[in-house]
Amino acid sequence: MSAADVRPLAIAITTGEPAGVGPELTAAALMQARERWPSAHFTVLGDRALLASRAGGAWPAATDPVRIEHHALAAPAEAGTLNAANGRYVLGLLDAAIDGAVSGRFDAIVTAPLQKSTINDAGVPFTGHTEYLAERTNTPRVVMMLAGSSERPLRVALATTHLPLKDVPAALSVDGLVETLTIIDHDLRAHFGLAAPRILVTGLNPHAGENGYLGREEIDVITPALERARALGIDAPGPYPADTLFQPRYLKDADCVLAMFHDQGLPVLKYATFGEGINVTLGLPIIRTSVDHGTALDLAGTGRADPGSMIAAIDAAVTMARHKRGA
């Protein structure tokens, strides 16, 4: 084993929207760094004074395994109050983490929540972390997957992400679904250590189209895609009616569910795992995990925000990086 193989994993954490809970959640999670993740070192990207203030004196010592990479706020940040002047600051944290991961400086990145509106109000068109990561890494297709903790291992991936519901049917194609299933299958093997992933696939329409009476997407698009994926060796049965698929008797042998649109799969996942779940972007040349919640402006600065999802996101980043390295 080479020296590179035995060095500690390098994990970057972007602290996200400065008016939100990201800075304090990062501090709370990393209080466990030395005991919980002894094989990793952490670089926290954010404004040093903001992080110290929001941690309430509980910030981990600035020694291994945690260090702060200072990025100055553009304007003072008040907990719970958005300021568009800091939109580009938030994006700068993400850019620095992506550049570090692409260059090999970081083995994985973990992102605290950001506020899309703040970045857009700063004059930068921004749809979300997932789409931005794809653009910055020149990745033609990525897949958003949310997952529970190791105690609640439900995983739900999405065929489409942040689209109006009326645009979803036109966004589905045979080729696109095959590519999505290929990415899920590959990354579950490479980053999660699953030798033969089983991916259950939902239909688009109620009752999976009711044999064409409630829509033909299952007949014309989804079923042909699944047939092609299975010919490639991907275990992807379906399409199943989404309203009955999320039951233990179906999920007990599944490694992931592929839902056709955002609010078809994620309400179930979040109901089952909220506060312990994570968001993972599959298909990237880098590893990225995140919390499963937003900026929680009402909780920012109160000390009441639960770091469970951030801890789970760091857990996943360390595990995925270890699998990628082959350790």
C-alpha atoms as a PDB file:
ATOM      1  CA  MET A   1       0.000   0.000   0.000  1.00  0.00           C
ATOM      2  CA  SER A   2       1.390   3.409  -0.972  1.00  0.00           C
ATOM      3  CA  ALA A   3       1.797   6.387   1.345  1.00  0.00           C
ATOM      4  CA  ALA A   4      -1.134   8.036  -0.457  1.00  0.00           C
ATOM      5  CA  ASP A   5      -3.329   5.096   0.492  1.00  0.00           C
ATOM      6  CA  VAL A   6      -2.625   5.424   4.217  1.00  0.00           C
ATOM      7  CA  ARG A   7      -2.904   9.199   4.577  1.00  0.00           C
ATOM      8  CA  PRO A   8      -5.998  10.420   6.451  1.00  0.00           C
ATOM      9  CA  LEU A   9      -9.032  11.052   4.288  1.00  0.00           C
ATOM     10  CA  ALA A  10      -9.374  14.770   3.530  1.00  0.00           C
ATOM     11  CA  ILE A  11     -12.971  15.966   3.838  1.00  0.00           C
ATOM     12  CA  ALA A  12     -14.041  19.527   2.984  1.00  0.00           C
ATOM     13  CA  ILE A  13     -17.162  21.024   4.564  1.00  0.00           C
ATOM     14  CA  THR A  14     -18.828  24.112   3.122  1.00  0.00           C
ATOM     15  CA  THR A  15     -20.761  25.975   5.804  1.00  0.00           C
ATOM     16  CA  GLY A  16     -23.424  27.306   3.418  1.00  0.00           C
ATOM     17  CA  GLU A  17     -25.797  30.204   4.007  1.00  0.00           C
ATOM     18  CA  PRO A  18     -24.306  32.356   6.797  1.00  0.00           C
ATOM     19  CA  ALA A  19     -27.753  33.366   8.061  1.00  0.00           C
ATOM     20  CA  GLY A  20     -28.777  29.713   8.394  1.00  0.00           C
ATOM     21  CA  VAL A  21     -27.888  26.795  10.617  1.00  0.00           C
ATOM     22  CA  GLY A  22     -24.950  25.484   8.557  1.00  0.00           C
ATOM     23  CA  PRO A  23     -22.126  27.063  10.599  1.00  0.00           C
ATOM     24  CA  GLU A  24     -23.422  25.854  13.968  1.00  0.00           C
ATOM     25  CA  LEU A  25     -24.331  22.376  12.684  1.00  0.00           C
ATOM     26  CA  THR A  26     -20.822  21.982  11.303  1.00  0.00           C
ATOM     27  CA  ALA A  27     -19.292  22.954  14.626  1.00  0.00           C
ATOM     28  CA  ALA A  28     -21.585  20.642  16.586  1.00  0.00           C
ATOM     29  CA  ALA A  29     -20.898  17.683  14.311  1.00  0.00           C
ATOM     30  CA  LEU A  30     -17.144  18.154  14.347  1.00  0.00           C
ATOM     31  CA  MET A  31     -16.987  18.099  18.110  1.00  0.00           C
ATOM     32  CA  GLN A  32     -17.097  14.332  17.513  1.00  0.00           C
ATOM     33  CA  ALA A  33     -14.428  14.356  14.802  1.00  0.00           C
ATOM     34  CA  ARG A  34     -11.523  12.749  16.598  1.00  0.00           C
ATOM     35  CA  GLU A  35     -13.563   9.940  18.152  1.00  0.00           C
ATOM     36  CA  ARG A  36     -16.074   9.247  15.376  1.00  0.00           C
ATOM     37  CA  TRP A  37     -13.874   9.705  12.280  1.00  0.00           C
ATOM     38  CA  PRO A  38     -10.302   8.943  13.329  1.00  0.00           C
ATOM     39  CA  SER A  39      -9.294   8.200   9.734  1.00  0.00           C
ATOM     40  CA  ALA A  40     -10.263  11.671   8.459  1.00  0.00           C
ATOM     41  CA  HIS A  41      -9.085  15.261   8.569  1.00  0.00           C
ATOM     42  CA  PHE A  42     -11.564  18.079   7.985  1.00  0.00           C
ATOM     43  CA  THR A  43     -11.219  21.451   6.280  1.00  0.00           C
ATOM     44  CA  VAL A  44     -14.103  23.786   7.109  1.00  0.00           C
ATOM     45  CA  LEU A  45     -14.690  26.535   4.552  1.00  0.00           C
ATOM     46  CA  GLY A  46     -16.200  29.745   5.896  1.00  0.00           C
ATOM     47  CA  ASP A  47     -15.654  33.044   7.644  1.00  0.00           C
ATOM     48  CA  ARG A  48     -13.569  32.402  10.756  1.00  0.00           C
ATOM     49  CA  ALA A  49     -15.270  35.038  12.939  1.00  0.00           C
ATOM     50  CA  LEU A  50     -18.740  33.908  11.872  1.00  0.00           C
ATOM     51  CA  LEU A  51     -17.952  30.281  12.678  1.00  0.00           C
ATOM     52  CA  ALA A  52     -16.553  31.150  16.103  1.00  0.00           C
ATOM     53  CA  SER A  53     -19.552  33.327  16.893  1.00  0.00           C
ATOM     54  CA  ARG A  54     -22.154  30.821  15.741  1.00  0.00           C
ATOM     55  CA  ALA A  55     -20.481  27.946  17.588  1.00  0.00           C
ATOM     56  CA  GLY A  56     -21.007  29.740  20.899  1.00  0.00           C
ATOM     57  CA  GLY A  57     -17.508  28.955  22.077  1.00  0.00           C
ATOM     58  CA  ALA A  58     -17.884  25.265  21.253  1.00  0.00           C
ATOM     59  CA  TRP A  59     -15.823  25.291  18.062  1.00  0.00           C
ATOM     60  CA  PRO A  60     -13.325  22.395  17.882  1.00  0.00           C
ATOM     61  CA  ALA A  61      -9.702  23.306  18.436  1.00  0.00           C
ATOM     62  CA  ALA A  62      -8.032  24.459  15.226  1.00  0.00           C
ATOM     63  CA  THR A  63      -5.686  21.506  15.176  1.00  0.00           C
ATOM     64  CA  ASP A  64      -5.851  18.174  13.401  1.00  0.00           C
ATOM     65  CA  PRO A  65      -8.260  16.714  12.579  1.00  0.00           C
ATOM     66  CA  VAL A  66     -10.132  20.021  12.050  1.00  0.00           C
ATOM     67  CA  ARG A  67      -8.905  23.234  10.434  1.00  0.00           C
ATOM     68  CA  ILE A  68     -10.692  26.339   9.157  1.00  0.00           C
ATOM     69  CA  GLU A  69      -9.999  27.702   5.687  1.00  0.00           C
ATOM     70  CA  HIS A  70     -10.996  31.337   6.018  1.00  0.00           C
ATOM     71  CA  HIS A  71     -13.242  32.904   3.391  1.00  0.00           C
ATOM     72  CA  ALA A  72     -14.348  36.411   4.329  1.00  0.00           C
ATOM     73  CA  LEU A  73     -18.009  37.375   4.348  1.00  0.00           C
ATOM     74  CA  ALA A  74     -18.959  40.111   1.914  1.00  0.00           C
ATOM     75  CA  ALA A  75     -21.221  41.699   4.529  1.00  0.00           C
ATOM     76  CA  PRO A  76     -21.994  41.087   8.210  1.00  0.00           C
ATOM     77  CA  ALA A  77     -24.293  38.098   8.689  1.00  0.00           C
ATOM     78  CA  GLU A  78     -27.176  38.060  11.150  1.00  0.00           C
ATOM     79  CA  ALA A  79     -28.689  34.716  12.109  1.00  0.00           C
ATOM     80  CA  GLY A  80     -32.092  34.311  10.495  1.00  0.00           C
ATOM     81  CA  THR A  81     -31.811  37.333   8.194  1.00  0.00           C
ATOM     82  CA  LEU A  82     -30.864  36.789   4.556  1.00  0.00           C
ATOM     83  CA  ASN A  83     -28.546  39.234   2.811  1.00  0.00           C
ATOM     84  CA  ALA A  84     -28.037  38.994  -0.936  1.00  0.00           C
ATOM     85  CA  ALA A  85     -24.633  40.633  -0.518  1.00  0.00           C
ATOM     86  CA  ASN A  86     -23.388  37.271   0.775  1.00  0.00           C
ATOM     87  CA  GLY A  87     -24.749  35.239  -2.137  1.00  0.00           C
ATOM     88  CA  ARG A  88     -21.418  35.167  -3.936  1.00  0.00           C
ATOM     89  CA  TYR A  89     -19.634  34.317  -0.672  1.00  0.00           C
ATOM     90  CA  VAL A  90     -21.748  31.166  -0.403  1.00  0.00           C
ATOM     91  CA  LEU A  91     -21.004  30.241  -4.001  1.00  0.00           C
ATOM     92  CA  GLY A  92     -17.307  30.902  -3.416  1.00  0.00           C
ATOM     93  CA  LEU A  93     -17.225  28.316  -0.629  1.00  0.00           C
ATOM     94  CA  LEU A  94     -18.733  25.750  -2.966  1.00  0.00           C
ATOM     95  CA  ASP A  95     -16.332  26.622  -5.781  1.00  0.00           C
ATOM     96  CA  ALA A  96     -13.326  26.232  -3.484  1.00  0.00           C
ATOM     97  CA  ALA A  97     -14.529  22.832  -2.286  1.00  0.00           C
ATOM     98  CA  ILE A  98     -15.230  21.605  -5.825  1.00  0.00           C
ATOM     99  CA  ASP A  99     -11.842  22.791  -7.077  1.00  0.00           C
ATOM    100  CA  GLY A 100     -10.137  21.061  -4.166  1.00  0.00           C
ATOM    101  CA  ALA A 101     -11.962  17.807  -4.797  1.00  0.00           C
ATOM    102  CA  VAL A 102     -11.296  17.864  -8.547  1.00  0.00           C
ATOM    103  CA  SER A 103      -7.592  18.496  -7.940  1.00  0.00           C
ATOM    104  CA  GLY A 104      -7.371  15.630  -5.435  1.00  0.00           C
ATOM    105  CA  ARG A 105      -6.782  17.848  -2.427  1.00  0.00           C
ATOM    106  CA  PHE A 106     -10.063  16.649  -0.918  1.00  0.00           C
ATOM    107  CA  ASP A 107     -11.374  13.081  -1.000  1.00  0.00           C
ATOM    108  CA  ALA A 108     -14.966  14.252  -0.527  1.00  0.00           C
ATOM    109  CA  ILE A 109     -17.018  17.343   0.148  1.00  0.00           C
ATOM    110  CA  VAL A 110     -19.932  17.795   2.543  1.00  0.00           C
ATOM    111  CA  THR A 111     -22.221  20.758   1.980  1.00  0.00           C
ATOM    112  CA  ALA A 112     -24.285  22.572   4.585  1.00  0.00           C
ATOM    113  CA  PRO A 113     -27.564  24.032   3.296  1.00  0.00           C
ATOM    114  CA  LEU A 114     -27.622  27.189   1.212  1.00  0.00           C
ATOM    115  CA  GLN A 115     -30.434  29.530   0.252  1.00  0.00           C
ATOM    116  CA  LYS A 116     -31.064  29.473  -3.506  1.00  0.00           C
ATOM    117  CA  SER A 117     -32.886  32.798  -3.409  1.00  0.00           C
ATOM    118  CA  THR A 118     -29.886  34.606  -1.897  1.00  0.00           C
ATOM    119  CA  ILE A 119     -27.612  33.488  -4.717  1.00  0.00           C
ATOM    120  CA  ASN A 120     -30.181  34.393  -7.357  1.00  0.00           C
ATOM    121  CA  ASP A 121     -30.736  37.762  -5.671  1.00  0.00           C
ATOM    122  CA  ALA A 122     -26.985  38.310  -5.923  1.00  0.00           C
ATOM    123  CA  GLY A 123     -27.344  38.123  -9.708  1.00  0.00           C
ATOM    124  CA  VAL A 124     -26.188  34.534 -10.236  1.00  0.00           C
ATOM    125  CA  PRO A 125     -28.742  32.148 -11.795  1.00  0.00           C
ATOM    126  CA  PHE A 126     -28.778  29.135  -9.496  1.00  0.00           C
ATOM    127  CA  THR A 127     -31.099  26.113  -9.441  1.00  0.00           C
ATOM    128  CA  GLY A 128     -29.466  24.042  -6.723  1.00  0.00           C
ATOM    129  CA  HIS A 129     -26.366  22.224  -5.480  1.00  0.00           C
ATOM    130  CA  THR A 130     -26.978  19.219  -7.739  1.00  0.00           C
ATOM    131  CA  GLU A 131     -27.204  21.139 -10.991  1.00  0.00           C
ATOM    132  CA  TYR A 132     -24.315  23.438 -10.069  1.00  0.00           C
ATOM    133  CA  LEU A 133     -22.013  20.535  -9.227  1.00  0.00           C
ATOM    134  CA  ALA A 134     -22.803  18.944 -12.591  1.00  0.00           C
ATOM    135  CA  GLU A 135     -22.037  22.167 -14.446  1.00  0.00           C
ATOM    136  CA  ARG A 136     -18.792  22.902 -12.581  1.00  0.00           C
ATOM    137  CA  THR A 137     -17.452  19.374 -13.107  1.00  0.00           C
ATOM    138  CA  ASN A 138     -18.630  19.130 -16.737  1.00  0.00           C
ATOM    139  CA  THR A 139     -20.757  16.105 -15.887  1.00  0.00           C
ATOM    140  CA  PRO A 140     -23.539  15.576 -18.456  1.00  0.00           C
ATOM    141  CA  ARG A 141     -25.860  13.684 -16.107  1.00  0.00           C
ATOM    142  CA  VAL A 142     -25.962  13.411 -12.334  1.00  0.00           C
ATOM    143  CA  VAL A 143     -28.484  11.761 -10.047  1.00  0.00           C
ATOM    144  CA  MET A 144     -29.866  13.129  -6.792  1.00  0.00           C
ATOM    145  CA  MET A 145     -30.214  10.422  -4.159  1.00  0.00           C
ATOM    146  CA  LEU A 146     -31.448  10.879  -0.614  1.00  0.00           C
ATOM    147  CA  ALA A 147     -30.737   8.219   1.974  1.00  0.00           C
ATOM    148  CA  GLY A 148     -31.385   7.404   5.583  1.00  0.00           C
ATOM    149  CA  SER A 149     -28.727   6.766   8.180  1.00  0.00           C
ATOM    150  CA  SER A 150     -27.032   3.399   8.581  1.00  0.00           C
ATOM    151  CA  GLU A 151     -29.829   2.468  10.990  1.00  0.00           C
ATOM    152  CA  ARG A 152     -32.459   3.518   8.389  1.00  0.00           C
ATOM    153  CA  PRO A 153     -30.878   2.588   5.040  1.00  0.00           C
ATOM    154  CA  LEU A 154     -33.752   3.564   2.716  1.00  0.00           C
ATOM    155  CA  ARG A 155     -32.390   5.230  -0.438  1.00  0.00           C
ATOM    156  CA  VAL A 156     -34.447   7.160  -2.991  1.00  0.00           C
ATOM    157  CA  ALA A 157     -32.989   8.482  -6.254  1.00  0.00           C
ATOM    158  CA  LEU A 158     -34.719  10.814  -8.700  1.00  0.00           C
ATOM    159  CA  ALA A 159     -35.110  10.608 -12.464  1.00  0.00           C
ATOM    160  CA  THR A 160     -35.839  14.360 -12.543  1.00  0.00           C
ATOM    161  CA  THR A 161     -35.013  16.959  -9.917  1.00  0.00           C
ATOM    162  CA  HIS A 162     -36.054  20.604  -9.647  1.00  0.00           C
ATOM    163  CA  LEU A 163     -38.672  20.823 -12.389  1.00  0.00           C
ATOM    164  CA  PRO A 164     -42.251  22.052 -12.419  1.00  0.00           C
ATOM    165  CA  LEU A 165     -44.542  19.049 -12.371  1.00  0.00           C
ATOM    166  CA  LYS A 166     -45.951  19.930 -15.798  1.00  0.00           C
ATOM    167  CA  ASP A 167     -42.466  19.523 -17.322  1.00  0.00           C
ATOM    168  CA  VAL A 168     -41.699  16.082 -15.881  1.00  0.00           C
ATOM    169  CA  PRO A 169     -43.242  13.827 -18.590  1.00  0.00           C
ATOM    170  CA  ALA A 170     -41.300  15.531 -21.382  1.00  0.00           C
ATOM    171  CA  ALA A 171     -38.077  15.248 -19.354  1.00  0.00           C
ATOM    172  CA  LEU A 172     -38.315  11.447 -19.211  1.00  0.00           C
ATOM    173  CA  SER A 173     -36.746   9.429 -22.012  1.00  0.00           C
ATOM    174  CA  VAL A 174     -35.605   5.858 -22.548  1.00  0.00           C
ATOM    175  CA  ASP A 175     -31.975   6.906 -22.972  1.00  0.00           C
ATOM    176  CA  GLY A 176     -32.111   9.202 -19.955  1.00  0.00           C
ATOM    177  CA  LEU A 177     -33.555   6.565 -17.666  1.00  0.00           C
ATOM    178  CA  VAL A 178     -30.994   3.992 -18.797  1.00  0.00           C
ATOM    179  CA  GLU A 179     -28.193   6.479 -18.079  1.00  0.00           C
ATOM    180  CA  THR A 180     -29.689   7.256 -14.671  1.00  0.00           C
ATOM    181  CA  LEU A 181     -29.945   3.575 -13.742  1.00  0.00           C
ATOM    182  CA  THR A 182     -26.387   2.976 -14.951  1.00  0.00           C
ATOM    183  CA  ILE A 183     -25.105   5.779 -12.714  1.00  0.00           C
ATOM    184  CA  ILE A 184     -27.018   4.502  -9.687  1.00  0.00           C
ATOM    185  CA  ASP A 185     -25.830   0.933 -10.235  1.00  0.00           C
ATOM    186  CA  HIS A 186     -22.209   2.029 -10.696  1.00  0.00           C
ATOM    187  CA  ASP A 187     -22.047   4.327  -7.689  1.00  0.00           C
ATOM    188  CA  LEU A 188     -23.813   1.923  -5.337  1.00  0.00           C
ATOM    189  CA  ARG A 189     -21.135  -0.597  -6.247  1.00  0.00           C
ATOM    190  CA  ALA A 190     -18.151   1.781  -6.217  1.00  0.00           C
ATOM    191  CA  HIS A 191     -18.993   4.029  -3.259  1.00  0.00           C
ATOM    192  CA  PHE A 192     -21.324   1.965  -1.090  1.00  0.00           C
ATOM    193  CA  GLY A 193     -19.745  -1.475  -1.459  1.00  0.00           C
ATOM    194  CA  LEU A 194     -22.861  -3.171  -2.845  1.00  0.00           C
ATOM    195  CA  ALA A 195     -21.911  -6.087  -5.086  1.00  0.00           C
ATOM    196  CA  ALA A 196     -25.259  -6.433  -6.861  1.00  0.00           C
ATOM    197  CA  PRO A 197     -27.562  -3.449  -6.270  1.00  0.00           C
ATOM    198  CA  ARG A 198     -31.321  -3.940  -6.642  1.00  0.00           C
ATOM    199  CA  ILE A 199     -33.098  -0.772  -7.807  1.00  0.00           C
ATOM    200  CA  LEU A 200     -36.904  -0.668  -7.679  1.00  0.00           C
ATOM    201  CA  VAL A 201     -38.421   1.758 -10.193  1.00  0.00           C
ATOM    202  CA  THR A 202     -41.701   3.631  -9.839  1.00  0.00           C
ATOM    203  CA  GLY A 203     -44.127   4.514 -12.577  1.00  0.00           C
ATOM    204  CA  LEU A 204     -44.971   8.116 -13.345  1.00  0.00           C
ATOM    205  CA  ASN A 205     -48.753   8.014 -13.288  1.00  0.00           C
ATOM    206  CA  PRO A 206     -51.219   6.841 -10.629  1.00  0.00           C
ATOM    207  CA  HIS A 207     -51.335   3.034 -10.503  1.00  0.00           C
ATOM    208  CA  ALA A 208     -48.324   3.013 -12.861  1.00  0.00           C
ATOM    209  CA  GLY A 209     -50.576   4.108 -15.698  1.00  0.00           C
ATOM    210  CA  GLU A 210     -53.269   1.438 -15.271  1.00  0.00           C
ATOM    211  CA  ASN A 211     -52.208  -0.314 -18.515  1.00  0.00           C
ATOM    212  CA  GLY A 212     -52.344   2.956 -20.429  1.00  0.00           C
ATOM    213  CA  TYR A 213     -55.685   4.228 -19.165  1.00  0.00           C
ATOM    214  CA  LEU A 214     -54.000   6.769 -16.865  1.00  0.00           C
ATOM    215  CA  GLY A 215     -51.072   7.626 -19.129  1.00  0.00           C
ATOM    216  CA  ARG A 216     -48.673   5.878 -21.499  1.00  0.00           C
ATOM    217  CA  GLU A 217     -45.291   6.884 -20.065  1.00  0.00           C
ATOM    218  CA  GLU A 218     -44.948   3.490 -18.369  1.00  0.00           C
ATOM    219  CA  ILE A 219     -45.589   1.688 -21.665  1.00  0.00           C
ATOM    220  CA  ASP A 220     -43.699   3.966 -24.033  1.00  0.00           C
ATOM    221  CA  VAL A 221     -40.754   5.114 -21.901  1.00  0.00           C
ATOM    222  CA  ILE A 222     -40.222   3.467 -18.518  1.00  0.00           C
ATOM    223  CA  THR A 223     -40.724  -0.214 -19.408  1.00  0.00           C
ATOM    224  CA  PRO A 224     -38.474  -0.063 -22.514  1.00  0.00           C
ATOM    225  CA  ALA A 225     -35.806   1.664 -20.403  1.00  0.00           C
ATOM    226  CA  LEU A 226     -35.978  -1.052 -17.753  1.00  0.00           C
ATOM    227  CA  GLU A 227     -35.720  -3.775 -20.382  1.00  0.00           C
ATOM    228  CA  ARG A 228     -32.608  -2.144 -21.801  1.00  0.00           C
ATOM    229  CA  ALA A 229     -31.096  -1.651 -18.342  1.00  0.00           C
ATOM    230  CA  ARG A 230     -31.683  -5.285 -17.421  1.00  0.00           C
ATOM    231  CA  ALA A 231     -29.973  -6.315 -20.661  1.00  0.00           C
ATOM    232  CA  LEU A 232     -26.948  -4.401 -19.363  1.00  0.00           C
ATOM    233  CA  GLY A 233     -26.963  -6.458 -16.157  1.00  0.00           C
ATOM    234  CA  ILE A 234     -28.714  -3.895 -13.953  1.00  0.00           C
ATOM    235  CA  ASP A 235     -31.266  -5.334 -11.522  1.00  0.00           C
ATOM    236  CA  ALA A 236     -34.084  -2.820 -12.022  1.00  0.00           C
ATOM    237  CA  PRO A 237     -37.611  -4.261 -11.719  1.00  0.00           C
ATOM    238  CA  GLY A 238     -40.716  -2.128 -12.259  1.00  0.00           C
ATOM    239  CA  PRO A 239     -42.458   0.102 -12.960  1.00  0.00           C
ATOM    240  CA  TYR A 240     -44.357  -0.109  -9.678  1.00  0.00           C
ATOM    241  CA  PRO A 241     -47.207   2.123  -8.478  1.00  0.00           C
ATOM    242  CA  ALA A 242     -45.545   4.658  -6.206  1.00  0.00           C
ATOM    243  CA  ASP A 243     -48.397   4.670  -3.713  1.00  0.00           C
ATOM    244  CA  THR A 244     -47.853   1.012  -2.798  1.00  0.00           C
ATOM    245  CA  LEU A 245     -44.123   0.523  -3.424  1.00  0.00           C
ATOM    246  CA  PHE A 246     -42.887   2.057  -0.175  1.00  0.00           C
ATOM    247  CA  GLN A 247     -43.779  -0.882   2.045  1.00  0.00           C
ATOM    248  CA  PRO A 248     -41.376  -3.062   4.035  1.00  0.00           C
ATOM    249  CA  ARG A 249     -42.290  -6.202   2.083  1.00  0.00           C
ATOM    250  CA  TYR A 250     -41.079  -4.567  -1.146  1.00  0.00           C
ATOM    251  CA  LEU A 251     -38.213  -2.539   0.258  1.00  0.00           C
ATOM    252  CA  LYS A 252     -36.601  -5.261   2.379  1.00  0.00           C
ATOM    253  CA  ASP A 253     -34.631  -6.626  -0.585  1.00  0.00           C
ATOM    254  CA  ALA A 254     -34.077  -3.272  -2.321  1.00  0.00           C
ATOM    255  CA  ASP A 255     -30.966  -1.113  -2.217  1.00  0.00           C
ATOM    256  CA  CYS A 256     -32.580   1.929  -3.822  1.00  0.00           C
ATOM    257  CA  VAL A 257     -35.848   3.211  -5.263  1.00  0.00           C
ATOM    258  CA  LEU A 258     -35.787   5.311  -8.430  1.00  0.00           C
ATOM    259  CA  ALA A 259     -38.713   7.763  -8.393  1.00  0.00           C
ATOM    260  CA  MET A 260     -39.735   9.744 -11.454  1.00  0.00           C
ATOM    261  CA  PHE A 261     -39.983  13.169  -9.846  1.00  0.00           C
ATOM    262  CA  HIS A 262     -39.001  15.102  -6.738  1.00  0.00           C
ATOM    263  CA  ASP A 263     -42.192  14.999  -4.695  1.00  0.00           C
ATOM    264  CA  GLN A 264     -43.036  11.421  -5.655  1.00  0.00           C
ATOM    265  CA  GLY A 265     -40.201   9.861  -3.687  1.00  0.00           C
ATOM    266  CA  LEU A 266     -38.814  12.418  -1.268  1.00  0.00           C
ATOM    267  CA  PRO A 267     -41.835  12.948   1.008  1.00  0.00           C
ATOM    268  CA  VAL A 268     -41.707   9.256   1.921  1.00  0.00           C
ATOM    269  CA  LEU A 269     -37.961   9.312   2.468  1.00  0.00           C
ATOM    270  CA  LYS A 270     -38.075  12.448   4.590  1.00  0.00           C
ATOM    271  CA  TYR A 271     -40.986  11.198   6.651  1.00  0.00           C
ATOM    272  CA  ALA A 272     -39.017   8.068   7.469  1.00  0.00           C
ATOM    273  CA  THR A 273     -35.594   9.609   8.047  1.00  0.00           C
ATOM    274  CA  PHE A 274     -35.828  13.390   8.512  1.00  0.00           C
ATOM    275  CA  GLY A 275     -33.106  14.705  10.769  1.00  0.00           C
ATOM    276  CA  GLU A 276     -30.975  11.632  10.079  1.00  0.00           C
ATOM    277  CA  GLY A 277     -31.034  11.548   6.276  1.00  0.00           C
ATOM    278  CA  ILE A 278     -28.559  12.776   3.704  1.00  0.00           C
ATOM    279  CA  ASN A 279     -28.403  13.952   0.101  1.00  0.00           C
ATOM    280  CA  VAL A 280     -25.821  12.367  -2.216  1.00  0.00           C
ATOM    281  CA  THR A 281     -25.014  13.456  -5.761  1.00  0.00           C
ATOM    282  CA  LEU A 282     -24.290  10.366  -7.867  1.00  0.00           C
ATOM    283  CA  GLY A 283     -22.451  10.373 -11.181  1.00  0.00           C
ATOM    284  CA  LEU A 284     -19.902  13.065 -10.323  1.00  0.00           C
ATOM    285  CA  PRO A 285     -16.132  12.570 -10.622  1.00  0.00           C
ATOM    286  CA  ILE A 286     -16.001  13.686  -6.959  1.00  0.00           C
ATOM    287  CA  ILE A 287     -17.854  12.613  -3.811  1.00  0.00           C
ATOM    288  CA  ARG A 288     -20.463  15.010  -2.457  1.00  0.00           C
ATOM    289  CA  THR A 289     -22.900  14.519   0.403  1.00  0.00           C
ATOM    290  CA  SER A 290     -25.175  16.970   2.176  1.00  0.00           C
ATOM    291  CA  VAL A 291     -27.816  17.323   4.835  1.00  0.00           C
ATOM    292  CA  ASP A 292     -31.423  16.530   3.936  1.00  0.00           C
ATOM    293  CA  HIS A 293     -32.854  19.858   5.139  1.00  0.00           C
ATOM    294  CA  GLY A 294     -32.727  23.553   4.390  1.00  0.00           C
ATOM    295  CA  THR A 295     -31.240  26.582   6.080  1.00  0.00           C
ATOM    296  CA  ALA A 296     -33.770  26.590   8.979  1.00  0.00           C
ATOM    297  CA  LEU A 297     -33.565  30.359   9.395  1.00  0.00           C
ATOM    298  CA  ASP A 298     -35.938  30.215  12.361  1.00  0.00           C
ATOM    299  CA  LEU A 299     -33.475  28.020  14.277  1.00  0.00           C
ATOM    300  CA  ALA A 300     -30.242  29.745  13.258  1.00  0.00           C
ATOM    301  CA  GLY A 301     -28.313  31.099  16.215  1.00  0.00           C
ATOM    302  CA  THR A 302     -30.636  29.535  18.801  1.00  0.00           C
ATOM    303  CA  GLY A 303     -28.553  26.450  19.557  1.00  0.00           C
ATOM    304  CA  ARG A 304     -31.621  24.250  19.017  1.00  0.00           C
ATOM    305  CA  ALA A 305     -30.748  22.908  15.555  1.00  0.00           C
ATOM    306  CA  ASP A 306     -30.153  19.149  15.469  1.00  0.00           C
ATOM    307  CA  PRO A 307     -26.798  18.142  13.916  1.00  0.00           C
ATOM    308  CA  GLY A 308     -27.985  14.568  13.206  1.00  0.00           C
ATOM    309  CA  SER A 309     -28.225  15.006   9.434  1.00  0.00           C
ATOM    310  CA  MET A 310     -24.814  16.715   9.256  1.00  0.00           C
ATOM    311  CA  ILE A 311     -23.269  13.869  11.253  1.00  0.00           C
ATOM    312  CA  ALA A 312     -24.896  11.358   8.891  1.00  0.00           C
ATOM    313  CA  ALA A 313     -23.635  13.300   5.849  1.00  0.00           C
ATOM    314  CA  ILE A 314     -20.090  13.241   7.201  1.00  0.00           C
ATOM    315  CA  ASP A 315     -20.449   9.537   8.011  1.00  0.00           C
ATOM    316  CA  ALA A 316     -21.468   8.892   4.403  1.00  0.00           C
ATOM    317  CA  ALA A 317     -18.684  11.031   2.930  1.00  0.00           C
ATOM    318  CA  VAL A 318     -16.043   9.201   4.960  1.00  0.00           C
ATOM    319  CA  THR A 319     -17.503   5.791   4.064  1.00  0.00           C
ATOM    320  CA  MET A 320     -17.798   6.612   0.365  1.00  0.00           C
ATOM    321  CA  ALA A 321     -14.271   8.027   0.225  1.00  0.00           C
ATOM    322  CA  ARG A 322     -12.942   4.920   1.936  1.00  0.00           C
ATOM    323  CA  HIS A 323     -14.700   2.672  -0.620  1.00  0.00           C
ATOM    324  CA  LYS A 324     -13.391   4.789  -3.490  1.00  0.00           C
ATOM    325  CA  ARG A 325      -9.857   4.552  -2.159  1.00  0.00           C
ATOM    326  CA  GLY A 326     -10.310   0.804  -1.789  1.00  0.00           C
ATOM    327  CA  ALA A 327      -9.418   0.712   1.867  1.00  0.00           C
END
